[in-house]
Amino acid sequence: MRKTLTGSRSARVVRRVSLSAGLLLASAGILATTATPASADSGSSVALWIRASGGVINWEQWIEDEPAGVYNVHFWRAGGGWDYNTPAYNYALRVVPGNVYNVPVPAGAVVCGELWNHKPGGGYGSWGLPCVEMSS
């Protein structure tokens, strides 16, 4: 289970309920495949949680069922104009937090992050792709 370093218990419950409702609607074909929260500055997908506020992106990798190994997170502004990859790091089944500072994305713009597993035999596997709105 994901251990949050920031936020209240009620905020985590709201995120989980929202994610569950979204998954239910998506499985029913009601949501578009590129759905983006209307005004939420934080969100999660599979094993990646991100929050975008005041030019900073906070992120956490947390799931215990994914393979240990080498990962990196790719961030970008939806529609273009900014793109960033974290350095590759080793993941050993624990919570891995990180921050990206001085993100040149204005409040109201959508930022996305994708967690990539570097497969031992070559190639990559995606372990989450949340998109959120940068708040001020």
Protein backbone atom coordinates (compact mmCIF):
# COMPACT_ATOMS: atom_id res chain seq x y z
CA MET A 1 0.00 0.00 0.00
CA ARG A 2 1.21 3.51 -0.86
CA LYS A 3 2.61 5.54 1.99
CA THR A 4 2.15 9.26 1.47
CA LEU A 5 4.81 11.62 2.68
CA THR A 6 2.55 14.66 2.30
CA GLY A 7 -1.17 15.28 2.61
CA SER A 8 -3.84 14.31 5.07
CA ARG A 9 -5.52 10.95 5.45
CA SER A 10 -8.76 12.42 4.05
CA ALA A 11 -6.91 13.69 0.97
CA ARG A 12 -5.52 10.19 0.37
CA VAL A 13 -9.01 8.71 0.72
CA VAL A 14 -10.40 11.25 -1.76
CA ARG A 15 -7.60 10.39 -4.23
CA ARG A 16 -8.31 6.67 -3.87
CA VAL A 17 -12.08 7.13 -4.27
CA SER A 18 -11.54 9.40 -7.28
CA LEU A 19 -9.16 6.90 -8.86
CA SER A 20 -11.59 4.02 -8.23
CA ALA A 21 -14.49 5.99 -9.71
CA GLY A 22 -12.37 6.93 -12.72
CA LEU A 23 -11.34 3.34 -13.30
CA LEU A 24 -14.98 2.24 -13.07
CA LEU A 25 -16.11 4.89 -15.56
CA ALA A 26 -13.20 4.15 -17.89
CA SER A 27 -14.00 0.45 -17.88
CA ALA A 28 -17.56 1.35 -18.83
CA GLY A 29 -16.24 3.41 -21.76
CA ILE A 30 -17.54 6.70 -20.34
CA LEU A 31 -14.21 8.52 -19.96
CA ALA A 32 -11.96 9.54 -22.83
CA THR A 33 -8.59 7.82 -22.87
CA THR A 34 -6.79 11.14 -22.35
CA ALA A 35 -8.96 12.47 -19.52
CA THR A 36 -7.33 15.23 -17.50
CA PRO A 37 -8.56 16.54 -14.15
CA ALA A 38 -10.37 19.87 -14.57
CA SER A 39 -8.71 21.65 -11.65
CA ALA A 40 -6.81 19.06 -9.62
CA ASP A 41 -3.13 19.77 -9.02
CA SER A 42 -2.43 16.18 -7.94
CA GLY A 43 -3.27 12.74 -9.21
CA SER A 44 -2.01 9.20 -9.58
CA SER A 45 -1.90 6.39 -12.09
CA VAL A 46 -0.73 2.82 -11.40
CA ALA A 47 2.51 3.45 -9.46
CA LEU A 48 3.13 7.19 -9.93
CA TRP A 49 1.64 10.11 -7.96
CA ILE A 50 2.34 13.70 -9.00
CA ARG A 51 1.45 17.15 -7.70
CA ALA A 52 2.13 20.35 -9.67
CA SER A 53 2.03 23.64 -7.80
CA GLY A 54 3.91 26.92 -7.98
CA GLY A 55 6.38 25.75 -10.61
CA VAL A 56 7.32 22.59 -8.68
CA ILE A 57 6.37 18.99 -9.43
CA ASN A 58 6.44 16.61 -6.46
CA TRP A 59 6.28 12.91 -7.29
CA GLU A 60 6.30 9.50 -5.63
CA GLN A 61 6.75 5.97 -6.90
CA TRP A 62 5.14 3.60 -4.43
CA ILE A 63 3.65 0.28 -5.55
CA GLU A 64 5.02 -2.92 -4.06
CA ASP A 65 3.97 -5.24 -6.91
CA GLU A 66 6.09 -3.70 -9.63
CA PRO A 67 9.50 -5.15 -10.37
CA ALA A 68 12.57 -3.84 -8.58
CA GLY A 69 15.09 -2.38 -10.98
CA VAL A 70 16.01 0.79 -12.83
CA TYR A 71 13.37 3.50 -13.43
CA ASN A 72 13.05 7.09 -14.53
CA VAL A 73 10.16 9.55 -14.78
CA HIS A 74 9.46 11.57 -17.92
CA PHE A 75 7.57 14.86 -17.40
CA TRP A 76 6.17 17.23 -20.03
CA ARG A 77 3.68 20.03 -20.63
CA ALA A 78 0.64 18.82 -22.54
CA GLY A 79 0.66 20.60 -25.88
CA GLY A 80 4.44 21.05 -25.86
CA GLY A 81 6.87 23.68 -24.66
CA TRP A 82 8.56 21.77 -21.82
CA ASP A 83 10.01 18.27 -21.43
CA TYR A 84 12.17 16.72 -18.69
CA ASN A 85 13.50 13.27 -17.73
CA THR A 86 14.68 12.43 -14.23
CA PRO A 87 18.00 10.61 -14.01
CA ALA A 88 17.65 6.82 -13.90
CA TYR A 89 17.50 5.41 -10.38
CA ASN A 90 17.27 2.00 -8.68
CA TYR A 91 13.92 1.05 -7.17
CA ALA A 92 13.86 -1.62 -4.45
CA LEU A 93 10.17 -1.88 -3.40
CA ARG A 94 9.95 1.22 -1.23
CA VAL A 95 8.46 4.70 -1.61
CA VAL A 96 10.69 6.86 -3.81
CA PRO A 97 9.93 10.60 -3.61
CA GLY A 98 11.28 13.27 -5.90
CA ASN A 99 10.89 16.90 -6.93
CA VAL A 100 11.37 18.86 -10.12
CA TYR A 101 11.98 22.56 -9.45
CA ASN A 102 11.71 25.68 -11.65
CA VAL A 103 9.21 24.07 -14.02
CA PRO A 104 8.47 26.71 -16.70
CA VAL A 105 4.75 25.87 -16.88
CA PRO A 106 2.15 28.52 -15.98
CA ALA A 107 -0.73 27.95 -13.58
CA GLY A 108 -3.62 26.33 -15.42
CA ALA A 109 -1.43 24.41 -17.87
CA VAL A 110 -1.53 20.60 -17.81
CA VAL A 111 1.60 18.62 -16.96
CA CYS A 112 1.99 14.87 -17.32
CA GLY A 113 4.44 12.33 -15.94
CA GLU A 114 5.15 8.78 -17.03
CA LEU A 115 7.02 6.24 -14.92
CA TRP A 116 9.31 4.02 -17.01
CA ASN A 117 10.86 0.71 -15.98
CA HIS A 118 14.10 -0.06 -17.84
CA LYS A 119 13.64 -3.76 -18.64
CA PRO A 120 16.74 -5.92 -18.02
CA GLY A 121 16.52 -7.44 -21.51
CA GLY A 122 16.09 -4.04 -23.17
CA GLY A 123 13.15 -1.76 -23.76
CA TYR A 124 10.86 0.01 -21.34
CA GLY A 125 7.60 -0.66 -19.50
CA SER A 126 5.18 2.06 -18.41
CA TRP A 127 4.02 2.00 -14.76
CA GLY A 128 1.77 5.07 -14.67
CA LEU A 129 0.79 8.16 -16.64
CA PRO A 130 -1.02 10.83 -14.56
CA CYS A 131 -1.75 14.31 -15.93
CA VAL A 132 -2.63 17.24 -13.64
CA GLU A 133 -3.15 20.98 -13.80
CA MET A 134 -0.39 23.25 -12.49
CA SER A 135 -1.77 25.39 -9.66
CA SER A 136 -0.33 28.71 -8.54
